[in-house]
PDB file of all heavy atoms in Angstrom:
ATOM      1  N   ILE A   1      12.684  -6.691 -22.035  1.00  0.00           N
ATOM      2  CA  ILE A   1      13.175  -6.459 -20.697  1.00  0.00           C
ATOM      3  C   ILE A   1      12.053  -6.467 -19.663  1.00  0.00           C
ATOM      4  O   ILE A   1      11.080  -5.757 -19.829  1.00  0.00           O
ATOM      5  CB  ILE A   1      13.947  -5.152 -20.599  1.00  0.00           C
ATOM      6  CG1 ILE A   1      15.163  -5.097 -21.599  1.00  0.00           C
ATOM      7  CG2 ILE A   1      14.439  -4.873 -19.158  1.00  0.00           C
ATOM      8  CD1 ILE A   1      15.844  -3.803 -21.701  1.00  0.00           C
ATOM      9  N   GLN A   2      12.192  -7.314 -18.653  1.00  0.00           N
ATOM     10  CA  GLN A   2      11.152  -7.434 -17.651  1.00  0.00           C
ATOM     11  C   GLN A   2      11.303  -6.221 -16.693  1.00  0.00           C
ATOM     12  O   GLN A   2      12.380  -5.836 -16.260  1.00  0.00           O
ATOM     13  CB  GLN A   2      11.338  -8.722 -16.839  1.00  0.00           C
ATOM     14  CG  GLN A   2      11.094  -9.995 -17.673  1.00  0.00           C
ATOM     15  CD  GLN A   2       9.702 -10.059 -18.208  1.00  0.00           C
ATOM     16  OE1 GLN A   2       8.738  -9.719 -17.476  1.00  0.00           O
ATOM     17  NE2 GLN A   2       9.596 -10.451 -19.465  1.00  0.00           N
ATOM     18  N   PRO A   3      10.199  -5.648 -16.333  1.00  0.00           N
ATOM     19  CA  PRO A   3      10.238  -4.458 -15.401  1.00  0.00           C
ATOM     20  C   PRO A   3      10.649  -4.906 -13.991  1.00  0.00           C
ATOM     21  O   PRO A   3      10.437  -6.014 -13.558  1.00  0.00           O
ATOM     22  CB  PRO A   3       8.761  -3.978 -15.413  1.00  0.00           C
ATOM     23  CG  PRO A   3       7.987  -5.122 -15.734  1.00  0.00           C
ATOM     24  CD  PRO A   3       8.818  -6.007 -16.727  1.00  0.00           C
ATOM     25  N   PHE A   4      11.280  -3.958 -13.312  1.00  0.00           N
ATOM     26  CA  PHE A   4      11.640  -4.162 -11.911  1.00  0.00           C
ATOM     27  C   PHE A   4      10.400  -3.857 -11.049  1.00  0.00           C
ATOM     28  O   PHE A   4      10.042  -2.652 -11.015  1.00  0.00           O
ATOM     29  CB  PHE A   4      12.834  -3.299 -11.530  1.00  0.00           C
ATOM     30  CG  PHE A   4      13.414  -3.631 -10.173  1.00  0.00           C
ATOM     31  CD1 PHE A   4      14.360  -4.644 -10.025  1.00  0.00           C
ATOM     32  CD2 PHE A   4      13.040  -2.909  -9.026  1.00  0.00           C
ATOM     33  CE1 PHE A   4      14.924  -4.955  -8.789  1.00  0.00           C
ATOM     34  CE2 PHE A   4      13.569  -3.239  -7.763  1.00  0.00           C
ATOM     35  CZ  PHE A   4      14.492  -4.214  -7.645  1.00  0.00           C
ATOM     36  N   LEU A   5       9.835  -4.809 -10.402  1.00  0.00           N
ATOM     37  CA  LEU A   5       8.591  -4.629  -9.700  1.00  0.00           C
ATOM     38  C   LEU A   5       8.801  -4.344  -8.225  1.00  0.00           C
ATOM     39  O   LEU A   5       9.439  -5.161  -7.514  1.00  0.00           O
ATOM     40  CB  LEU A   5       7.699  -5.844  -9.896  1.00  0.00           C
ATOM     41  CG  LEU A   5       7.292  -6.150 -11.351  1.00  0.00           C
ATOM     42  CD1 LEU A   5       6.454  -7.412 -11.361  1.00  0.00           C
ATOM     43  CD2 LEU A   5       6.557  -5.013 -11.934  1.00  0.00           C
ATOM     44  N   ILE A   6       8.263  -3.228  -7.751  1.00  0.00           N
ATOM     45  CA  ILE A   6       8.334  -2.855  -6.364  1.00  0.00           C
ATOM     46  C   ILE A   6       7.013  -2.945  -5.703  1.00  0.00           C
ATOM     47  O   ILE A   6       6.006  -2.375  -6.223  1.00  0.00           O
ATOM     48  CB  ILE A   6       8.924  -1.479  -6.163  1.00  0.00           C
ATOM     49  CG1 ILE A   6      10.384  -1.400  -6.713  1.00  0.00           C
ATOM     50  CG2 ILE A   6       8.869  -1.047  -4.690  1.00  0.00           C
ATOM     51  CD1 ILE A   6      10.937  -0.017  -6.676  1.00  0.00           C
ATOM     52  N   ALA A   7       6.892  -3.626  -4.577  1.00  0.00           N
ATOM     53  CA  ALA A   7       5.625  -3.709  -3.826  1.00  0.00           C
ATOM     54  C   ALA A   7       5.769  -2.792  -2.606  1.00  0.00           C
ATOM     55  O   ALA A   7       6.763  -2.864  -1.843  1.00  0.00           O
ATOM     56  CB  ALA A   7       5.368  -5.134  -3.375  1.00  0.00           C
ATOM     57  N   GLY A   8       4.831  -1.918  -2.430  1.00  0.00           N
ATOM     58  CA  GLY A   8       4.724  -1.102  -1.223  1.00  0.00           C
ATOM     59  C   GLY A   8       3.865  -1.862  -0.239  1.00  0.00           C
ATOM     60  O   GLY A   8       2.856  -2.472  -0.559  1.00  0.00           O
ATOM     61  N   VAL A   9       4.328  -1.812   1.011  1.00  0.00           N
ATOM     62  CA  VAL A   9       3.618  -2.609   2.079  1.00  0.00           C
ATOM     63  C   VAL A   9       3.405  -1.739   3.281  1.00  0.00           C
ATOM     64  O   VAL A   9       4.327  -1.022   3.716  1.00  0.00           O
ATOM     65  CB  VAL A   9       4.471  -3.853   2.458  1.00  0.00           C
ATOM     66  CG1 VAL A   9       3.681  -4.738   3.436  1.00  0.00           C
ATOM     67  CG2 VAL A   9       4.890  -4.650   1.209  1.00  0.00           C
ATOM     68  N   ASP A  10       2.220  -1.781   3.784  1.00  0.00           N
ATOM     69  CA  ASP A  10       1.925  -1.039   5.011  1.00  0.00           C
ATOM     70  C   ASP A  10       0.814  -1.758   5.771  1.00  0.00           C
ATOM     71  O   ASP A  10       0.075  -2.592   5.218  1.00  0.00           O
ATOM     72  CB  ASP A  10       1.496   0.423   4.703  1.00  0.00           C
ATOM     73  CG  ASP A  10       1.648   1.369   5.894  1.00  0.00           C
ATOM     74  OD1 ASP A  10       2.078   0.918   6.964  1.00  0.00           O
ATOM     75  OD2 ASP A  10       1.253   2.531   5.719  1.00  0.00           O
ATOM     76  N   GLU A  11       0.667  -1.406   7.050  1.00  0.00           N
ATOM     77  CA  GLU A  11      -0.381  -1.947   7.910  1.00  0.00           C
ATOM     78  C   GLU A  11      -1.169  -0.854   8.589  1.00  0.00           C
ATOM     79  O   GLU A  11      -0.638   0.260   8.733  1.00  0.00           O
ATOM     80  CB  GLU A  11       0.203  -2.994   8.910  1.00  0.00           C
ATOM     81  CG  GLU A  11       1.307  -2.463   9.782  1.00  0.00           C
ATOM     82  CD  GLU A  11       0.895  -1.443  10.831  1.00  0.00           C
ATOM     83  OE1 GLU A  11      -0.209  -1.575  11.351  1.00  0.00           O
ATOM     84  OE2 GLU A  11       1.728  -0.564  11.201  1.00  0.00           O
ATOM     85  N   VAL A  12      -2.367  -1.146   9.051  1.00  0.00           N
ATOM     86  CA  VAL A  12      -3.138  -0.271   9.858  1.00  0.00           C
ATOM     87  C   VAL A  12      -3.769  -1.043  10.974  1.00  0.00           C
ATOM     88  O   VAL A  12      -4.039  -2.256  10.818  1.00  0.00           O
ATOM     89  CB  VAL A  12      -4.256   0.428   9.017  1.00  0.00           C
ATOM     90  CG1 VAL A  12      -3.687   1.322   7.930  1.00  0.00           C
ATOM     91  CG2 VAL A  12      -5.236  -0.536   8.412  1.00  0.00           C
ATOM     92  N   GLY A  13      -3.957  -0.341  12.081  1.00  0.00           N
ATOM     93  CA  GLY A  13      -4.710  -1.000  13.191  1.00  0.00           C
ATOM     94  C   GLY A  13      -3.829  -1.603  14.310  1.00  0.00           C
ATOM     95  O   GLY A  13      -4.257  -2.444  15.011  1.00  0.00           O
ATOM     96  N   ARG A  14      -2.594  -0.969  14.493  1.00  0.00           N
ATOM     97  CA  ARG A  14      -1.800  -1.410  15.662  1.00  0.00           C
ATOM     98  C   ARG A  14      -2.375  -0.903  16.962  1.00  0.00           C
ATOM     99  O   ARG A  14      -2.364  -1.570  17.972  1.00  0.00           O
ATOM    100  CB  ARG A  14      -0.362  -0.933  15.524  1.00  0.00           C
ATOM    101  CG  ARG A  14       0.439  -1.704  14.547  1.00  0.00           C
ATOM    102  CD  ARG A  14       1.925  -1.413  14.810  1.00  0.00           C
ATOM    103  NE  ARG A  14       2.740  -1.998  13.711  1.00  0.00           N
ATOM    104  CZ  ARG A  14       4.094  -1.996  13.764  1.00  0.00           C
ATOM    105  NH1 ARG A  14       4.741  -1.543  14.813  1.00  0.00           N
ATOM    106  NH2 ARG A  14       4.773  -2.538  12.792  1.00  0.00           N
ATOM    107  N   GLY A  15      -2.933   0.353  16.922  1.00  0.00           N
ATOM    108  CA  GLY A  15      -3.389   0.985  18.164  1.00  0.00           C
ATOM    109  C   GLY A  15      -4.765   0.630  18.726  1.00  0.00           C
ATOM    110  O   GLY A  15      -4.950   0.794  19.909  1.00  0.00           O
ATOM    111  N   PRO A  16      -5.703   0.181  17.907  1.00  0.00           N
ATOM    112  CA  PRO A  16      -7.051  -0.056  18.391  1.00  0.00           C
ATOM    113  C   PRO A  16      -7.105  -1.123  19.497  1.00  0.00           C
ATOM    114  O   PRO A  16      -6.231  -1.933  19.657  1.00  0.00           O
ATOM    115  CB  PRO A  16      -7.794  -0.516  17.162  1.00  0.00           C
ATOM    116  CG  PRO A  16      -7.098   0.095  16.084  1.00  0.00           C
ATOM    117  CD  PRO A  16      -5.635   0.039  16.428  1.00  0.00           C
ATOM    118  N   LEU A  17      -8.188  -1.027  20.280  1.00  0.00           N
ATOM    119  CA  LEU A  17      -8.438  -2.020  21.336  1.00  0.00           C
ATOM    120  C   LEU A  17      -9.247  -3.207  20.803  1.00  0.00           C
ATOM    121  O   LEU A  17      -9.412  -4.204  21.526  1.00  0.00           O
ATOM    122  CB  LEU A  17      -9.201  -1.350  22.468  1.00  0.00           C
ATOM    123  CG  LEU A  17      -8.649  -0.142  23.118  1.00  0.00           C
ATOM    124  CD1 LEU A  17      -9.575   0.453  24.126  1.00  0.00           C
ATOM    125  CD2 LEU A  17      -7.263  -0.410  23.652  1.00  0.00           C
ATOM    126  N   ALA A  18      -9.716  -3.123  19.554  1.00  0.00           N
ATOM    127  CA  ALA A  18     -10.583  -4.205  19.027  1.00  0.00           C
ATOM    128  C   ALA A  18     -10.320  -4.334  17.537  1.00  0.00           C
ATOM    129  O   ALA A  18      -9.858  -3.413  16.854  1.00  0.00           O
ATOM    130  CB  ALA A  18     -12.044  -3.843  19.260  1.00  0.00           C
ATOM    131  N   GLY A  19     -10.595  -5.583  17.066  1.00  0.00           N
ATOM    132  CA  GLY A  19     -10.462  -5.857  15.650  1.00  0.00           C
ATOM    133  C   GLY A  19      -9.056  -6.306  15.225  1.00  0.00           C
ATOM    134  O   GLY A  19      -8.133  -6.113  15.959  1.00  0.00           O
ATOM    135  N   PRO A  20      -8.959  -6.817  14.022  1.00  0.00           N
ATOM    136  CA  PRO A  20      -7.676  -7.296  13.523  1.00  0.00           C
ATOM    137  C   PRO A  20      -6.753  -6.195  13.105  1.00  0.00           C
ATOM    138  O   PRO A  20      -7.149  -4.979  12.992  1.00  0.00           O
ATOM    139  CB  PRO A  20      -8.071  -8.137  12.261  1.00  0.00           C
ATOM    140  CG  PRO A  20      -9.275  -7.382  11.758  1.00  0.00           C
ATOM    141  CD  PRO A  20     -10.062  -6.942  12.987  1.00  0.00           C
ATOM    142  N   VAL A  21      -5.468  -6.545  12.902  1.00  0.00           N
ATOM    143  CA  VAL A  21      -4.541  -5.609  12.305  1.00  0.00           C
ATOM    144  C   VAL A  21      -4.572  -6.009  10.813  1.00  0.00           C
ATOM    145  O   VAL A  21      -4.512  -7.208  10.482  1.00  0.00           O
ATOM    146  CB  VAL A  21      -3.142  -5.691  12.882  1.00  0.00           C
ATOM    147  CG1 VAL A  21      -2.536  -7.112  12.836  1.00  0.00           C
ATOM    148  CG2 VAL A  21      -2.179  -4.675  12.215  1.00  0.00           C
ATOM    149  N   VAL A  22      -4.593  -5.003   9.937  1.00  0.00           N
ATOM    150  CA  VAL A  22      -4.767  -5.306   8.486  1.00  0.00           C
ATOM    151  C   VAL A  22      -3.591  -4.719   7.711  1.00  0.00           C
ATOM    152  O   VAL A  22      -3.126  -3.556   8.003  1.00  0.00           O
ATOM    153  CB  VAL A  22      -6.079  -4.660   7.976  1.00  0.00           C
ATOM    154  CG1 VAL A  22      -6.202  -4.803   6.457  1.00  0.00           C
ATOM    155  CG2 VAL A  22      -7.258  -5.289   8.669  1.00  0.00           C
ATOM    156  N   ALA A  23      -3.077  -5.452   6.779  1.00  0.00           N
ATOM    157  CA  ALA A  23      -1.943  -5.047   5.955  1.00  0.00           C
ATOM    158  C   ALA A  23      -2.304  -5.149   4.504  1.00  0.00           C
ATOM    159  O   ALA A  23      -3.192  -5.870   4.140  1.00  0.00           O
ATOM    160  CB  ALA A  23      -0.723  -5.852   6.261  1.00  0.00           C
ATOM    161  N   ALA A  24      -1.561  -4.401   3.668  1.00  0.00           N
ATOM    162  CA  ALA A  24      -1.783  -4.454   2.258  1.00  0.00           C
ATOM    163  C   ALA A  24      -0.415  -4.360   1.550  1.00  0.00           C
ATOM    164  O   ALA A  24       0.542  -3.761   2.074  1.00  0.00           O
ATOM    165  CB  ALA A  24      -2.683  -3.370   1.738  1.00  0.00           C
ATOM    166  N   ALA A  25      -0.315  -4.992   0.385  1.00  0.00           N
ATOM    167  CA  ALA A  25       0.818  -4.894  -0.456  1.00  0.00           C
ATOM    168  C   ALA A  25       0.330  -4.478  -1.860  1.00  0.00           C
ATOM    169  O   ALA A  25      -0.698  -5.032  -2.347  1.00  0.00           O
ATOM    170  CB  ALA A  25       1.609  -6.229  -0.559  1.00  0.00           C
ATOM    171  N   VAL A  26       0.989  -3.480  -2.464  1.00  0.00           N
ATOM    172  CA  VAL A  26       0.532  -2.949  -3.787  1.00  0.00           C
ATOM    173  C   VAL A  26       1.697  -2.838  -4.668  1.00  0.00           C
ATOM    174  O   VAL A  26       2.729  -2.268  -4.375  1.00  0.00           O
ATOM    175  CB  VAL A  26      -0.157  -1.618  -3.566  1.00  0.00           C
ATOM    176  CG1 VAL A  26      -0.565  -1.051  -4.966  1.00  0.00           C
ATOM    177  CG2 VAL A  26      -1.378  -1.680  -2.693  1.00  0.00           C
ATOM    178  N   ILE A  27       1.556  -3.318  -5.927  1.00  0.00           N
ATOM    179  CA  ILE A  27       2.529  -3.046  -7.026  1.00  0.00           C
ATOM    180  C   ILE A  27       1.777  -2.120  -7.976  1.00  0.00           C
ATOM    181  O   ILE A  27       0.806  -2.586  -8.645  1.00  0.00           O
ATOM    182  CB  ILE A  27       2.928  -4.352  -7.709  1.00  0.00           C
ATOM    183  CG1 ILE A  27       3.604  -5.353  -6.740  1.00  0.00           C
ATOM    184  CG2 ILE A  27       3.909  -4.040  -8.853  1.00  0.00           C
ATOM    185  CD1 ILE A  27       3.917  -6.739  -7.343  1.00  0.00           C
ATOM    186  N   LEU A  28       2.189  -0.901  -8.078  1.00  0.00           N
ATOM    187  CA  LEU A  28       1.581   0.048  -8.967  1.00  0.00           C
ATOM    188  C   LEU A  28       2.062  -0.137 -10.394  1.00  0.00           C
ATOM    189  O   LEU A  28       3.165  -0.623 -10.628  1.00  0.00           O
ATOM    190  CB  LEU A  28       1.880   1.453  -8.496  1.00  0.00           C
ATOM    191  CG  LEU A  28       1.271   1.920  -7.194  1.00  0.00           C
ATOM    192  CD1 LEU A  28       1.760   3.327  -6.807  1.00  0.00           C
ATOM    193  CD2 LEU A  28      -0.234   1.935  -7.269  1.00  0.00           C
ATOM    194  N   ASP A  29       1.213   0.251 -11.304  1.00  0.00           N
ATOM    195  CA  ASP A  29       1.555   0.198 -12.735  1.00  0.00           C
ATOM    196  C   ASP A  29       2.076   1.538 -13.169  1.00  0.00           C
ATOM    197  O   ASP A  29       1.322   2.525 -13.141  1.00  0.00           O
ATOM    198  CB  ASP A  29       0.263  -0.173 -13.542  1.00  0.00           C
ATOM    199  CG  ASP A  29       0.575  -0.338 -15.020  1.00  0.00           C
ATOM    200  OD1 ASP A  29       1.667  -0.001 -15.510  1.00  0.00           O
ATOM    201  OD2 ASP A  29      -0.330  -0.903 -15.682  1.00  0.00           O
ATOM    202  N   PRO A  30       3.336   1.648 -13.538  1.00  0.00           N
ATOM    203  CA  PRO A  30       3.888   2.907 -13.945  1.00  0.00           C
ATOM    204  C   PRO A  30       3.209   3.551 -15.183  1.00  0.00           C
ATOM    205  O   PRO A  30       3.294   4.754 -15.376  1.00  0.00           O
ATOM    206  CB  PRO A  30       5.366   2.619 -14.261  1.00  0.00           C
ATOM    207  CG  PRO A  30       5.474   1.158 -14.504  1.00  0.00           C
ATOM    208  CD  PRO A  30       4.333   0.593 -13.621  1.00  0.00           C
ATOM    209  N   GLU A  31       2.533   2.690 -15.940  1.00  0.00           N
ATOM    210  CA  GLU A  31       1.809   3.219 -17.129  1.00  0.00           C
ATOM    211  C   GLU A  31       0.444   3.774 -16.766  1.00  0.00           C
ATOM    212  O   GLU A  31      -0.208   4.382 -17.577  1.00  0.00           O
ATOM    213  CB  GLU A  31       1.611   2.059 -18.112  1.00  0.00           C
ATOM    214  CG  GLU A  31       2.871   1.444 -18.619  1.00  0.00           C
ATOM    215  CD  GLU A  31       3.744   2.378 -19.367  1.00  0.00           C
ATOM    216  OE1 GLU A  31       3.177   3.216 -20.137  1.00  0.00           O
ATOM    217  OE2 GLU A  31       4.989   2.368 -19.243  1.00  0.00           O
ATOM    218  N   LYS A  32       0.021   3.582 -15.478  1.00  0.00           N
ATOM    219  CA  LYS A  32      -1.310   4.049 -15.054  1.00  0.00           C
ATOM    220  C   LYS A  32      -1.122   4.777 -13.699  1.00  0.00           C
ATOM    221  O   LYS A  32      -1.492   4.316 -12.669  1.00  0.00           O
ATOM    222  CB  LYS A  32      -2.253   2.893 -14.890  1.00  0.00           C
ATOM    223  CG  LYS A  32      -2.577   2.149 -16.121  1.00  0.00           C
ATOM    224  CD  LYS A  32      -3.490   0.975 -15.931  1.00  0.00           C
ATOM    225  CE  LYS A  32      -3.752   0.227 -17.244  1.00  0.00           C
ATOM    226  NZ  LYS A  32      -4.604  -0.983 -17.022  1.00  0.00           N
ATOM    227  N   PRO A  33      -0.508   6.036 -13.752  1.00  0.00           N
ATOM    228  CA  PRO A  33      -0.307   6.755 -12.542  1.00  0.00           C
ATOM    229  C   PRO A  33      -1.595   7.149 -11.861  1.00  0.00           C
ATOM    230  O   PRO A  33      -2.620   7.370 -12.514  1.00  0.00           O
ATOM    231  CB  PRO A  33       0.466   7.988 -13.002  1.00  0.00           C
ATOM    232  CG  PRO A  33       0.151   8.092 -14.423  1.00  0.00           C
ATOM    233  CD  PRO A  33      -0.060   6.728 -14.955  1.00  0.00           C
ATOM    234  N   ILE A  34      -1.542   7.261 -10.529  1.00  0.00           N
ATOM    235  CA  ILE A  34      -2.762   7.631  -9.738  1.00  0.00           C
ATOM    236  C   ILE A  34      -2.391   8.918  -9.022  1.00  0.00           C
ATOM    237  O   ILE A  34      -1.497   8.939  -8.214  1.00  0.00           O
ATOM    238  CB  ILE A  34      -3.115   6.498  -8.735  1.00  0.00           C
ATOM    239  CG1 ILE A  34      -3.427   5.198  -9.505  1.00  0.00           C
ATOM    240  CG2 ILE A  34      -4.296   6.903  -7.861  1.00  0.00           C
ATOM    241  CD1 ILE A  34      -3.579   3.997  -8.567  1.00  0.00           C
ATOM    242  N   ASP A  35      -3.179   9.938  -9.246  1.00  0.00           N
ATOM    243  CA  ASP A  35      -2.970  11.274  -8.632  1.00  0.00           C
ATOM    244  C   ASP A  35      -3.489  11.222  -7.188  1.00  0.00           C
ATOM    245  O   ASP A  35      -4.546  10.623  -6.904  1.00  0.00           O
ATOM    246  CB  ASP A  35      -3.631  12.447  -9.409  1.00  0.00           C
ATOM    247  CG  ASP A  35      -3.005  12.644 -10.759  1.00  0.00           C
ATOM    248  OD1 ASP A  35      -1.806  12.364 -10.846  1.00  0.00           O
ATOM    249  OD2 ASP A  35      -3.734  13.060 -11.650  1.00  0.00           O
ATOM    250  N   GLY A  36      -2.777  11.933  -6.273  1.00  0.00           N
ATOM    251  CA  GLY A  36      -3.276  12.142  -4.944  1.00  0.00           C
ATOM    252  C   GLY A  36      -2.922  11.110  -3.930  1.00  0.00           C
ATOM    253  O   GLY A  36      -3.435  11.115  -2.773  1.00  0.00           O
ATOM    254  N   LEU A  37      -1.978  10.198  -4.269  1.00  0.00           N
ATOM    255  CA  LEU A  37      -1.585   9.151  -3.271  1.00  0.00           C
ATOM    256  C   LEU A  37      -0.743   9.788  -2.142  1.00  0.00           C
ATOM    257  O   LEU A  37       0.279  10.414  -2.362  1.00  0.00           O
ATOM    258  CB  LEU A  37      -0.775   8.048  -3.956  1.00  0.00           C
ATOM    259  CG  LEU A  37      -1.533   7.184  -4.928  1.00  0.00           C
ATOM    260  CD1 LEU A  37      -0.607   6.227  -5.625  1.00  0.00           C
ATOM    261  CD2 LEU A  37      -2.643   6.443  -4.207  1.00  0.00           C
ATOM    262  N   LEU A  38      -1.266   9.648  -0.928  1.00  0.00           N
ATOM    263  CA  LEU A  38      -0.618  10.120   0.292  1.00  0.00           C
ATOM    264  C   LEU A  38      -0.809   9.149   1.382  1.00  0.00           C
ATOM    265  O   LEU A  38      -1.620   8.182   1.265  1.00  0.00           O
ATOM    266  CB  LEU A  38      -1.191  11.511   0.721  1.00  0.00           C
ATOM    267  CG  LEU A  38      -1.002  12.691  -0.222  1.00  0.00           C
ATOM    268  CD1 LEU A  38      -1.900  13.837   0.291  1.00  0.00           C
ATOM    269  CD2 LEU A  38       0.455  13.151  -0.187  1.00  0.00           C
ATOM    270  N   ASP A  39      -0.085   9.260   2.452  1.00  0.00           N
ATOM    271  CA  ASP A  39      -0.357   8.546   3.675  1.00  0.00           C
ATOM    272  C   ASP A  39      -1.857   8.613   4.006  1.00  0.00           C
ATOM    273  O   ASP A  39      -2.455   9.700   3.975  1.00  0.00           O
ATOM    274  CB  ASP A  39       0.467   9.082   4.848  1.00  0.00           C
ATOM    275  CG  ASP A  39       0.125   8.517   6.185  1.00  0.00           C
ATOM    276  OD1 ASP A  39      -0.560   7.440   6.225  1.00  0.00           O
ATOM    277  OD2 ASP A  39       0.563   9.091   7.183  1.00  0.00           O
ATOM    278  N   SER A  40      -2.455   7.498   4.267  1.00  0.00           N
ATOM    279  CA  SER A  40      -3.954   7.405   4.457  1.00  0.00           C
ATOM    280  C   SER A  40      -4.420   8.329   5.584  1.00  0.00           C
ATOM    281  O   SER A  40      -5.514   8.829   5.582  1.00  0.00           O
ATOM    282  CB  SER A  40      -4.407   5.992   4.747  1.00  0.00           C
ATOM    283  OG  SER A  40      -3.856   5.524   5.940  1.00  0.00           O
ATOM    284  N   LYS A  41      -3.524   8.541   6.591  1.00  0.00           N
ATOM    285  CA  LYS A  41      -3.931   9.393   7.772  1.00  0.00           C
ATOM    286  C   LYS A  41      -4.037  10.862   7.337  1.00  0.00           C
ATOM    287  O   LYS A  41      -4.613  11.665   8.084  1.00  0.00           O
ATOM    288  CB  LYS A  41      -2.858   9.204   8.877  1.00  0.00           C
ATOM    289  CG  LYS A  41      -2.825   7.826   9.494  1.00  0.00           C
ATOM    290  CD  LYS A  41      -1.868   7.733  10.639  1.00  0.00           C
ATOM    291  CE  LYS A  41      -0.450   7.941  10.238  1.00  0.00           C
ATOM    292  NZ  LYS A  41       0.051   6.779   9.363  1.00  0.00           N
TER     293      LYS A  41
END
């Protein structure tokens, strides 16, 4: 059975006066949990 893959997507940098806006997409591995994941802010 193929796993159902979910990508989380977010961007940073809408508010600055300079530089690009940067986005990321991440598909986490349920077999390798990461402790401490929170909103970057």
